[in-house]
Amino acid sequence: MKDTTQIAASIVLEITQVGAALITLSTFTLSLTLLLTPIAIFCIAYKYRVFELI
């Protein structure tokens, strides 16, 4: 019984760790996207303003 409980606990722990890693990764990706999107929009707008000036 003790072995089964330990195995179950290990599985739950691994799933939790994988879930935490995925959440961290998605949060990081989301933060990066939110950070880079305004920069990308600014760059595109700046590029077109340069074309308008020429």
PDB file of N, CA and C in Angstrom:
ATOM      1  N   MET A   1       0.839  -1.212   0.000  1.00  0.00           N
ATOM      2  CA  MET A   1       0.000   0.000   0.000  1.00  0.00           C
ATOM      3  C   MET A   1       0.872   1.259   0.000  1.00  0.00           C
ATOM      4  N   LYS A   2       1.953   1.200   0.777  1.00  0.00           N
ATOM      5  CA  LYS A   2       2.841   2.352   0.879  1.00  0.00           C
ATOM      6  C   LYS A   2       3.498   2.661  -0.465  1.00  0.00           C
ATOM      7  N   ASP A   3       3.911   1.589  -1.177  1.00  0.00           N
ATOM      8  CA  ASP A   3       4.541   1.761  -2.488  1.00  0.00           C
ATOM      9  C   ASP A   3       3.583   2.423  -3.478  1.00  0.00           C
ATOM     10  N   THR A   4       2.337   1.960  -3.486  1.00  0.00           N
ATOM     11  CA  THR A   4       1.311   2.517  -4.380  1.00  0.00           C
ATOM     12  C   THR A   4       1.115   3.996  -4.104  1.00  0.00           C
ATOM     13  N   THR A   5       1.061   4.356  -2.826  1.00  0.00           N
ATOM     14  CA  THR A   5       0.884   5.749  -2.427  1.00  0.00           C
ATOM     15  C   THR A   5       2.076   6.593  -2.884  1.00  0.00           C
ATOM     16  N   GLN A   6       3.270   6.056  -2.723  1.00  0.00           N
ATOM     17  CA  GLN A   6       4.486   6.766  -3.154  1.00  0.00           C
ATOM     18  C   GLN A   6       4.510   6.960  -4.666  1.00  0.00           C
ATOM     19  N   ILE A   7       4.106   5.920  -5.395  1.00  0.00           N
ATOM     20  CA  ILE A   7       4.062   6.004  -6.854  1.00  0.00           C
ATOM     21  C   ILE A   7       3.047   7.056  -7.281  1.00  0.00           C
ATOM     22  N   ALA A   8       1.869   7.019  -6.679  1.00  0.00           N
ATOM     23  CA  ALA A   8       0.818   7.993  -6.985  1.00  0.00           C
ATOM     24  C   ALA A   8       1.296   9.410  -6.685  1.00  0.00           C
ATOM     25  N   ALA A   9       1.950   9.580  -5.539  1.00  0.00           N
ATOM     26  CA  ALA A   9       2.467  10.883  -5.142  1.00  0.00           C
ATOM     27  C   ALA A   9       3.516  11.374  -6.137  1.00  0.00           C
ATOM     28  N   SER A  10       4.388  10.477  -6.590  1.00  0.00           N
ATOM     29  CA  SER A  10       5.425  10.826  -7.568  1.00  0.00           C
ATOM     30  C   SER A  10       4.806  11.272  -8.886  1.00  0.00           C
ATOM     31  N   ILE A  11       3.774  10.532  -9.330  1.00  0.00           N
ATOM     32  CA  ILE A  11       3.091  10.868 -10.580  1.00  0.00           C
ATOM     33  C   ILE A  11       2.434  12.239 -10.472  1.00  0.00           C
ATOM     34  N   VAL A  12       1.727  12.472  -9.389  1.00  0.00           N
ATOM     35  CA  VAL A  12       1.061  13.752  -9.153  1.00  0.00           C
ATOM     36  C   VAL A  12       2.090  14.886  -9.135  1.00  0.00           C
ATOM     37  N   LEU A  13       3.216  14.653  -8.464  1.00  0.00           N
ATOM     38  CA  LEU A  13       4.283  15.646  -8.366  1.00  0.00           C
ATOM     39  C   LEU A  13       4.865  15.968  -9.744  1.00  0.00           C
ATOM     40  N   GLU A  14       5.092  14.916 -10.553  1.00  0.00           N
ATOM     41  CA  GLU A  14       5.620  15.131 -11.901  1.00  0.00           C
ATOM     42  C   GLU A  14       4.644  15.922 -12.758  1.00  0.00           C
ATOM     43  N   ILE A  15       3.353  15.560 -12.695  1.00  0.00           N
ATOM     44  CA  ILE A  15       2.331  16.274 -13.463  1.00  0.00           C
ATOM     45  C   ILE A  15       2.281  17.739 -13.041  1.00  0.00           C
ATOM     46  N   THR A  16       2.362  17.968 -11.730  1.00  0.00           N
ATOM     47  CA  THR A  16       2.344  19.334 -11.188  1.00  0.00           C
ATOM     48  C   THR A  16       3.547  20.131 -11.698  1.00  0.00           C
ATOM     49  N   GLN A  17       4.721  19.493 -11.693  1.00  0.00           N
ATOM     50  CA  GLN A  17       5.940  20.163 -12.170  1.00  0.00           C
ATOM     51  C   GLN A  17       5.850  20.501 -13.650  1.00  0.00           C
ATOM     52  N   VAL A  18       5.342  19.563 -14.455  1.00  0.00           N
ATOM     53  CA  VAL A  18       5.178  19.801 -15.888  1.00  0.00           C
ATOM     54  C   VAL A  18       4.182  20.929 -16.114  1.00  0.00           C
ATOM     55  N   GLY A  19       3.064  20.894 -15.378  1.00  0.00           N
ATOM     56  CA  GLY A  19       2.048  21.944 -15.466  1.00  0.00           C
ATOM     57  C   GLY A  19       2.618  23.304 -15.100  1.00  0.00           C
ATOM     58  N   ALA A  20       3.387  23.352 -14.028  1.00  0.00           N
ATOM     59  CA  ALA A  20       4.014  24.602 -13.585  1.00  0.00           C
ATOM     60  C   ALA A  20       4.973  25.128 -14.644  1.00  0.00           C
ATOM     61  N   ALA A  21       5.741  24.224 -15.250  1.00  0.00           N
ATOM     62  CA  ALA A  21       6.687  24.608 -16.298  1.00  0.00           C
ATOM     63  C   ALA A  21       5.941  25.179 -17.499  1.00  0.00           C
ATOM     64  N   LEU A  22       4.841  24.522 -17.886  1.00  0.00           N
ATOM     65  CA  LEU A  22       4.047  24.995 -19.026  1.00  0.00           C
ATOM     66  C   LEU A  22       3.425  26.357 -18.745  1.00  0.00           C
ATOM     67  N   ILE A  23       2.911  26.538 -17.522  1.00  0.00           N
ATOM     68  CA  ILE A  23       2.309  27.817 -17.134  1.00  0.00           C
ATOM     69  C   ILE A  23       3.367  28.925 -17.160  1.00  0.00           C
ATOM     70  N   THR A  24       4.543  28.614 -16.628  1.00  0.00           N
ATOM     71  CA  THR A  24       5.646  29.580 -16.623  1.00  0.00           C
ATOM     72  C   THR A  24       6.032  29.959 -18.044  1.00  0.00           C
ATOM     73  N   LEU A  25       6.127  28.945 -18.914  1.00  0.00           N
ATOM     74  CA  LEU A  25       6.499  29.155 -20.307  1.00  0.00           C
ATOM     75  C   LEU A  25       5.469  29.994 -21.038  1.00  0.00           C
ATOM     76  N   SER A  26       4.177  29.667 -20.836  1.00  0.00           N
ATOM     77  CA  SER A  26       3.117  30.414 -21.519  1.00  0.00           C
ATOM     78  C   SER A  26       3.032  31.849 -21.002  1.00  0.00           C
ATOM     79  N   THR A  27       3.245  32.032 -19.697  1.00  0.00           N
ATOM     80  CA  THR A  27       3.242  33.368 -19.107  1.00  0.00           C
ATOM     81  C   THR A  27       4.388  34.206 -19.679  1.00  0.00           C
ATOM     82  N   PHE A  28       5.565  33.575 -19.786  1.00  0.00           N
ATOM     83  CA  PHE A  28       6.742  34.238 -20.343  1.00  0.00           C
ATOM     84  C   PHE A  28       6.500  34.623 -21.800  1.00  0.00           C
ATOM     85  N   THR A  29       5.915  33.681 -22.570  1.00  0.00           N
ATOM     86  CA  THR A  29       5.623  33.926 -23.984  1.00  0.00           C
ATOM     87  C   THR A  29       4.635  35.071 -24.130  1.00  0.00           C
ATOM     88  N   LEU A  30       3.589  35.057 -23.278  1.00  0.00           N
ATOM     89  CA  LEU A  30       2.565  36.102 -23.301  1.00  0.00           C
ATOM     90  C   LEU A  30       3.172  37.461 -22.965  1.00  0.00           C
ATOM     91  N   SER A  31       4.011  37.496 -21.943  1.00  0.00           N
ATOM     92  CA  SER A  31       4.681  38.741 -21.547  1.00  0.00           C
ATOM     93  C   SER A  31       5.550  39.271 -22.681  1.00  0.00           C
ATOM     94  N   LEU A  32       6.285  38.349 -23.315  1.00  0.00           N
ATOM     95  CA  LEU A  32       7.157  38.708 -24.422  1.00  0.00           C
ATOM     96  C   LEU A  32       6.343  39.262 -25.588  1.00  0.00           C
ATOM     97  N   THR A  33       5.225  38.608 -25.881  1.00  0.00           N
ATOM     98  CA  THR A  33       4.343  39.051 -26.975  1.00  0.00           C
ATOM     99  C   THR A  33       3.797  40.443 -26.677  1.00  0.00           C
ATOM    100  N   LEU A  34       3.301  40.647 -25.450  1.00  0.00           N
ATOM    101  CA  LEU A  34       2.748  41.944 -25.055  1.00  0.00           C
ATOM    102  C   LEU A  34       3.820  43.034 -25.078  1.00  0.00           C
ATOM    103  N   LEU A  35       5.053  42.649 -24.786  1.00  0.00           N
ATOM    104  CA  LEU A  35       6.168  43.599 -24.797  1.00  0.00           C
ATOM    105  C   LEU A  35       6.587  43.948 -26.223  1.00  0.00           C
ATOM    106  N   LEU A  36       6.663  42.927 -27.084  1.00  0.00           N
ATOM    107  CA  LEU A  36       7.176  43.131 -28.442  1.00  0.00           C
ATOM    108  C   LEU A  36       6.143  43.702 -29.412  1.00  0.00           C
ATOM    109  N   THR A  37       4.852  43.449 -29.168  1.00  0.00           N
ATOM    110  CA  THR A  37       3.813  43.923 -30.088  1.00  0.00           C
ATOM    111  C   THR A  37       3.847  45.444 -30.276  1.00  0.00           C
ATOM    112  N   PRO A  38       3.865  46.261 -29.208  1.00  0.00           N
ATOM    113  CA  PRO A  38       3.934  47.715 -29.401  1.00  0.00           C
ATOM    114  C   PRO A  38       5.199  48.157 -30.123  1.00  0.00           C
ATOM    115  N   ILE A  39       6.312  47.476 -29.849  1.00  0.00           N
ATOM    116  CA  ILE A  39       7.580  47.792 -30.514  1.00  0.00           C
ATOM    117  C   ILE A  39       7.460  47.506 -32.005  1.00  0.00           C
ATOM    118  N   ALA A  40       6.861  46.359 -32.348  1.00  0.00           N
ATOM    119  CA  ALA A  40       6.672  45.982 -33.749  1.00  0.00           C
ATOM    120  C   ALA A  40       5.750  46.978 -34.452  1.00  0.00           C
ATOM    121  N   ILE A  41       4.653  47.357 -33.800  1.00  0.00           N
ATOM    122  CA  ILE A  41       3.705  48.332 -34.365  1.00  0.00           C
ATOM    123  C   ILE A  41       4.416  49.670 -34.594  1.00  0.00           C
ATOM    124  N   PHE A  42       5.202  50.090 -33.622  1.00  0.00           N
ATOM    125  CA  PHE A  42       5.953  51.342 -33.735  1.00  0.00           C
ATOM    126  C   PHE A  42       6.926  51.284 -34.914  1.00  0.00           C
ATOM    127  N   CYS A  43       7.643  50.160 -35.037  1.00  0.00           N
ATOM    128  CA  CYS A  43       8.602  49.994 -36.136  1.00  0.00           C
ATOM    129  C   CYS A  43       7.915  50.064 -37.490  1.00  0.00           C
ATOM    130  N   ILE A  44       6.777  49.387 -37.630  1.00  0.00           N
ATOM    131  CA  ILE A  44       6.019  49.402 -38.883  1.00  0.00           C
ATOM    132  C   ILE A  44       5.528  50.813 -39.184  1.00  0.00           C
ATOM    133  N   ALA A  45       4.960  51.463 -38.168  1.00  0.00           N
ATOM    134  CA  ALA A  45       4.454  52.828 -38.334  1.00  0.00           C
ATOM    135  C   ALA A  45       5.593  53.773 -38.717  1.00  0.00           C
ATOM    136  N   TYR A  46       6.736  53.612 -38.063  1.00  0.00           N
ATOM    137  CA  TYR A  46       7.908  54.441 -38.335  1.00  0.00           C
ATOM    138  C   TYR A  46       8.391  54.237 -39.773  1.00  0.00           C
ATOM    139  N   LYS A  47       8.404  52.972 -40.204  1.00  0.00           N
ATOM    140  CA  LYS A  47       8.838  52.644 -41.560  1.00  0.00           C
ATOM    141  C   LYS A  47       7.929  53.323 -42.585  1.00  0.00           C
ATOM    142  N   TYR A  48       6.617  53.262 -42.346  1.00  0.00           N
ATOM    143  CA  TYR A  48       5.682  53.864 -43.301  1.00  0.00           C
ATOM    144  C   TYR A  48       5.753  55.393 -43.261  1.00  0.00           C
ATOM    145  N   ARG A  49       6.030  55.956 -42.085  1.00  0.00           N
ATOM    146  CA  ARG A  49       6.209  57.408 -41.989  1.00  0.00           C
ATOM    147  C   ARG A  49       7.433  57.836 -42.792  1.00  0.00           C
ATOM    148  N   VAL A  50       8.488  57.018 -42.741  1.00  0.00           N
ATOM    149  CA  VAL A  50       9.702  57.303 -43.515  1.00  0.00           C
ATOM    150  C   VAL A  50       9.377  57.280 -44.993  1.00  0.00           C
ATOM    151  N   PHE A  51       8.565  56.307 -45.422  1.00  0.00           N
ATOM    152  CA  PHE A  51       8.171  56.230 -46.830  1.00  0.00           C
ATOM    153  C   PHE A  51       7.338  57.446 -47.229  1.00  0.00           C
ATOM    154  N   GLU A  52       6.473  57.902 -46.322  1.00  0.00           N
ATOM    155  CA  GLU A  52       5.623  59.059 -46.600  1.00  0.00           C
ATOM    156  C   GLU A  52       6.478  60.316 -46.756  1.00  0.00           C
ATOM    157  N   LEU A  53       7.519  60.437 -45.962  1.00  0.00           N
ATOM    158  CA  LEU A  53       8.398  61.599 -46.021  1.00  0.00           C
ATOM    159  C   LEU A  53       9.168  61.660 -47.349  1.00  0.00           C
ATOM    160  N   ILE A  54       9.485  60.490 -47.890  1.00  0.00           N
ATOM    161  CA  ILE A  54      10.201  60.410 -49.183  1.00  0.00           C
ATOM    162  C   ILE A  54       9.197  60.598 -50.288  1.00  0.00           C
TER     163      ILE A  54
END
